[in-house]
Amino acid sequence: MDLDWDPKKRDDTLKERGLDFAIVAEADWDDALTVEDSRTDYGEARFVSLVPIHERLYVVAWCMRGDKLRVISLRKANARERKIHGES
């Protein structure tokens, strides 16, 4: 899967959360729960996924830009989100 992201957002996430957008390439999309983010008009379809990466659950906000998945944000899932996904 080809990924894309805003370099500044990636750097900010690395500094603030210690997470690299590049790990999204290793996500288990077969086990993801995904909903469209319709809170506002972004001018494009955006999605939020609860998706396992390296045996941990993450929240990934993303959209498709051409044939690339563009990572908008990445963070570790909280307890409520893990429960929604079915983890303990």
Protein backbone atom coordinates (compact mmCIF):
# COMPACT_ATOMS: atom_id res chain seq x y z
CA MET A 1 0.00 0.00 0.00
CA ASP A 2 1.36 3.39 -0.98
CA LEU A 3 1.19 5.98 1.79
CA ASP A 4 1.41 9.74 1.82
CA TRP A 5 1.32 12.36 4.59
CA ASP A 6 2.08 15.95 5.44
CA PRO A 7 5.73 15.98 6.57
CA LYS A 8 5.04 18.57 9.30
CA LYS A 9 2.17 16.51 10.75
CA ARG A 10 4.40 13.44 10.72
CA ASP A 11 7.19 15.31 12.52
CA ASP A 12 4.74 16.74 15.07
CA THR A 13 3.34 13.25 15.77
CA LEU A 14 6.86 11.84 16.16
CA LYS A 15 7.73 14.57 18.68
CA GLU A 16 4.44 14.62 20.59
CA ARG A 17 3.47 10.92 20.57
CA GLY A 18 6.59 9.02 19.53
CA LEU A 19 4.67 7.54 16.59
CA ASP A 20 5.74 7.44 12.95
CA PHE A 21 3.09 7.57 10.23
CA ALA A 22 5.20 5.01 8.33
CA ILE A 23 3.97 2.19 10.63
CA VAL A 24 0.54 2.48 9.01
CA ALA A 25 2.03 0.47 6.13
CA GLU A 26 2.03 -2.52 8.51
CA ALA A 27 -1.58 -2.14 9.68
CA ASP A 28 -3.87 -5.18 9.74
CA TRP A 29 -6.64 -3.64 7.61
CA ASP A 30 -8.55 -6.96 7.58
CA ASP A 31 -9.22 -6.42 11.30
CA ALA A 32 -9.92 -2.66 11.11
CA LEU A 33 -13.15 -0.94 12.12
CA THR A 34 -13.61 2.07 9.85
CA VAL A 35 -16.18 4.87 9.79
CA GLU A 36 -16.43 7.94 7.62
CA ASP A 37 -15.58 11.17 9.45
CA SER A 38 -18.56 13.36 8.61
CA ARG A 39 -18.18 15.86 11.47
CA THR A 40 -17.38 18.61 8.98
CA ASP A 41 -17.00 19.12 5.23
CA TYR A 42 -13.35 18.43 4.51
CA GLY A 43 -13.80 18.67 0.76
CA GLU A 44 -12.96 14.97 0.49
CA ALA A 45 -14.07 11.72 2.10
CA ARG A 46 -12.13 11.15 5.32
CA PHE A 47 -12.17 8.07 7.48
CA VAL A 48 -11.22 7.05 11.00
CA SER A 49 -10.08 3.49 11.62
CA LEU A 50 -9.41 1.45 14.73
CA VAL A 51 -6.68 -0.76 13.34
CA PRO A 52 -4.12 -3.15 14.85
CA ILE A 53 -0.46 -2.42 14.12
CA HIS A 54 2.24 -4.56 15.75
CA GLU A 55 -0.24 -6.13 18.19
CA ARG A 56 -1.46 -2.75 19.46
CA LEU A 57 -4.62 -0.88 18.49
CA TYR A 58 -4.27 2.55 16.90
CA VAL A 59 -6.62 5.25 15.67
CA VAL A 60 -5.76 6.36 12.15
CA ALA A 61 -7.48 9.25 10.41
CA TRP A 62 -6.96 8.98 6.67
CA CYS A 63 -8.25 9.69 3.18
CA MET A 64 -7.47 8.49 -0.32
CA ARG A 65 -5.55 10.85 -2.58
CA GLY A 66 -5.35 9.26 -5.98
CA ASP A 67 -4.01 5.75 -5.41
CA LYS A 68 -2.34 6.61 -2.08
CA LEU A 69 -3.65 6.37 1.45
CA ARG A 70 -2.93 9.74 3.04
CA VAL A 71 -2.38 9.54 6.80
CA ILE A 72 -3.90 12.55 8.55
CA SER A 73 -3.32 11.53 12.16
CA LEU A 74 -2.17 8.57 14.24
CA ARG A 75 -2.46 7.81 17.93
CA LYS A 76 -2.76 4.86 20.28
CA ALA A 77 -6.34 3.80 20.96
CA ASN A 78 -7.72 4.55 24.41
CA ALA A 79 -9.55 2.04 26.64
CA ARG A 80 -12.99 2.97 25.29
CA GLU A 81 -11.82 2.51 21.70
CA ARG A 82 -10.17 -0.82 22.54
CA LYS A 83 -13.48 -1.97 24.04
CA ILE A 84 -15.34 -0.91 20.89
CA HIS A 85 -12.88 -2.93 18.82
CA GLY A 86 -13.36 -5.93 21.09
CA GLU A 87 -10.08 -5.93 22.97
CA SER A 88 -9.71 -5.97 26.73
